[in-house]
Every structure is written in structure tokens, then in C-alpha cells.
Protein backbone atom coordinates (compact mmCIF):
# COMPACT_ATOMS: atom_id res chain seq x y z
CA MET A 1 48.39 -12.58 -15.02
CA ASP A 2 50.33 -9.52 -14.15
CA ARG A 3 49.27 -7.01 -11.51
CA SER A 4 47.75 -4.53 -13.96
CA ALA A 5 45.40 -7.19 -15.37
CA ILE A 6 44.28 -8.11 -11.86
CA ARG A 7 43.64 -4.44 -11.08
CA ARG A 8 41.56 -4.08 -14.24
CA TRP A 9 39.43 -7.10 -13.34
CA LEU A 10 38.95 -5.81 -9.79
CA ALA A 11 37.95 -2.38 -11.11
CA LEU A 12 35.47 -4.00 -13.52
CA GLY A 13 34.05 -6.12 -10.69
CA MET A 14 33.65 -3.08 -8.43
CA ALA A 15 31.92 -1.15 -11.23
CA VAL A 16 29.46 -4.00 -11.78
CA LEU A 17 28.77 -4.29 -8.04
CA THR A 18 28.25 -0.54 -7.72
CA ALA A 19 25.84 -0.46 -10.66
CA SER A 20 23.85 -3.43 -9.33
CA GLY A 21 23.71 -1.81 -5.88
CA LEU A 22 22.36 1.43 -7.34
CA LEU A 23 19.74 -0.48 -9.31
CA ALA A 24 18.75 -2.44 -6.21
CA LEU A 25 18.26 0.77 -4.25
CA SER A 26 16.20 2.48 -6.94
CA ALA A 27 14.07 -0.48 -8.07
CA PRO A 28 12.22 -1.39 -4.83
CA GLY A 29 10.39 1.96 -4.78
CA ALA A 30 8.77 1.28 -8.13
CA ALA A 31 8.18 -2.39 -7.45
CA HIS A 32 6.79 -1.68 -4.01
CA ALA A 33 4.28 0.85 -5.33
CA ALA A 34 3.02 -1.71 -7.84
CA SER A 35 2.47 -4.34 -5.16
CA ALA A 36 -0.66 -4.73 -3.11
CA GLN A 37 -0.63 -1.10 -1.98
CA ASN A 38 1.59 -2.01 0.99
CA CYS A 39 -1.02 -4.32 2.50
CA ALA A 40 -0.10 -7.88 3.31
CA GLY A 41 -2.41 -10.75 2.51
CA ARG A 42 -5.03 -11.35 -0.12
CA LYS A 43 -7.66 -8.97 -1.39
CA VAL A 44 -11.01 -9.92 0.13
CA ARG A 45 -13.23 -7.01 -0.88
CA THR A 46 -13.33 -3.96 -3.13
CA LEU A 47 -15.82 -1.29 -2.14
CA GLY A 48 -16.41 1.05 -5.05
CA PHE A 49 -17.95 4.52 -4.97
CA ALA A 50 -18.32 7.42 -7.41
CA THR A 51 -14.86 8.96 -6.99
CA GLY A 52 -12.75 5.95 -5.97
CA ALA A 53 -12.59 2.56 -4.28
CA VAL A 54 -11.50 1.02 -1.01
CA HIS A 55 -9.47 -2.18 -1.29
CA VAL A 56 -9.63 -4.50 1.74
CA TYR A 57 -6.94 -7.12 2.39
CA LYS A 58 -6.75 -9.83 5.04
CA SER A 59 -3.83 -11.85 6.33
CA GLY A 60 -4.58 -14.11 9.28
CA GLY A 61 -6.40 -11.85 11.72
CA LEU A 62 -4.97 -8.61 10.32
CA VAL A 63 -7.29 -6.50 8.14
CA CYS A 64 -5.84 -3.72 6.00
CA ALA A 65 -7.53 -1.08 3.80
CA VAL A 66 -6.44 1.46 1.18
CA THR A 67 -8.53 4.14 -0.54
CA VAL A 68 -7.62 4.64 -4.21
CA ALA A 69 -8.80 7.50 -6.46
CA ARG A 70 -10.77 6.58 -9.58
CA HIS A 71 -9.20 9.42 -11.60
CA PRO A 72 -5.94 10.46 -9.89
CA GLY A 73 -4.39 13.85 -10.50
CA ALA A 74 -6.02 16.68 -8.61
CA ARG A 75 -5.41 16.85 -4.86
CA SER A 76 -8.54 16.17 -2.85
CA TRP A 77 -9.50 15.21 0.68
CA MET A 78 -9.25 11.43 1.17
CA THR A 79 -9.95 9.20 4.16
CA VAL A 80 -9.71 5.52 5.03
CA SER A 81 -10.81 3.80 8.23
CA VAL A 82 -10.87 0.23 9.55
CA GLN A 83 -12.61 -0.75 12.79
CA ALA A 84 -12.78 -4.18 14.41
CA ARG A 85 -16.01 -4.71 16.33
CA GLY A 86 -15.52 -3.62 19.93
CA PHE A 87 -12.45 -1.46 19.20
CA ARG A 88 -11.76 2.10 18.09
CA PRO A 89 -11.23 2.73 14.38
CA ALA A 90 -7.78 3.13 12.89
CA HIS A 91 -8.00 5.94 10.34
CA GLN A 92 -5.97 8.20 8.10
CA GLU A 93 -7.02 11.35 6.28
CA GLY A 94 -5.49 14.16 4.27
CA MET A 95 -5.11 15.89 0.91
CA ARG A 96 -3.83 13.30 -1.58
CA THR A 97 -3.73 12.75 -5.33
CA ARG A 98 -3.81 8.94 -5.77
CA ARG A 99 -4.30 6.92 -2.62
CA ILE A 100 -4.33 7.03 1.16
CA GLY A 101 -3.39 4.24 3.51
CA PRO A 102 -2.64 1.54 4.30
CA VAL A 103 -4.49 1.40 7.61
CA ASP A 104 -4.58 -1.91 9.42
CA THR A 105 -5.97 -3.40 12.59
CA TYR A 106 -6.00 -6.80 14.22
CA ALA A 107 -9.51 -8.17 14.04
CA GLY A 108 -8.99 -11.87 14.73
CA GLN A 109 -12.38 -13.47 14.03
CA ARG A 110 -14.34 -10.25 14.67
CA CYS A 111 -16.45 -8.37 12.16
CA VAL A 112 -14.89 -5.21 10.72
CA ARG A 113 -16.26 -1.94 9.38
CA VAL A 114 -14.43 -0.19 6.53
CA LYS A 115 -15.02 3.39 5.46
CA GLY A 116 -13.39 5.46 2.76
CA SER A 117 -13.95 8.71 0.92
CA ARG A 118 -12.50 10.98 -1.73
CA GLY A 119 -13.96 14.43 -2.30
CA ASN A 120 -17.77 14.14 -2.35
CA GLY A 121 -17.91 10.35 -2.75
CA SER A 122 -17.77 7.91 0.14
CA VAL A 123 -18.49 4.31 1.10
CA ASP A 124 -19.32 2.58 4.39
CA SER A 125 -19.25 -1.21 4.34
CA GLY A 126 -21.23 -1.91 7.47
CA TRP A 127 -20.08 -4.96 9.44
CA ILE A 128 -18.34 -7.38 7.07
CA LEU A 129 -15.94 -10.35 7.19
CA CYS A 130 -17.81 -11.93 10.12
């Protein structure tokens, strides 16, 4: 092979690497949003209410919650809160269109209380996962 052929192959290789790098940078955002709403572990409970639902995940002693709108689109006030028995709640609130969270706390073997709301609808689990 002469030098010009080697240069062409190197240029082709660099173009392929650049394209794959750009795809790798743009793809995780879409794939990450489709995952378990950024919560690790398995889904242990879904608490539904009129305007949305709260999904609860557990991994070891870590409990995570996300509030998801039933009909996303319009911005409305949303909250999510997780509290391990004996500790203060970890919460998040704000004007959102689709979901709010994740909020997580270490519960170990303790009971947890999960609350969530969107607009006029809300849910309070009471003490669960004991």
C-alpha cells in the first residue's frame, strides 16, 4: 500500500470513530429516560391517584420514589416525598410537566412512608415495606 491509501483508511477510521462517539453521547439521554426513571432496584409498589402515580423502587436498603403524571403536557405543581421511620422526609417539589424525582433515602429494614401529588390529586401510602 502506498501512503495515500493508508491516509484514506486512517481518515475513514477516524470518521467512523467520530460518528460512533457522537452517537454514544446522544443516545444515553434517550435510553436513560426510558429506564426505571433513574431509580435503582426493582419496582415494589405503584401508588395511583386521580392525576398521576408514584412509583416506588427498592435496592437493598435504599428506597426511591418518582411521581409521574397521568396525562403529561401542562405544567402543574408536583411533589414526591420518601420518609424512613424515625428520620426526616426527603422531598422534591416544583412545576413540572411529566415527572418529578427521583428522591431516595436509606431505610434499611425500616418502614417507609411515600407521598406524591400532582395538581389537585395526591396519595399518601402510610407506613409500608415493613
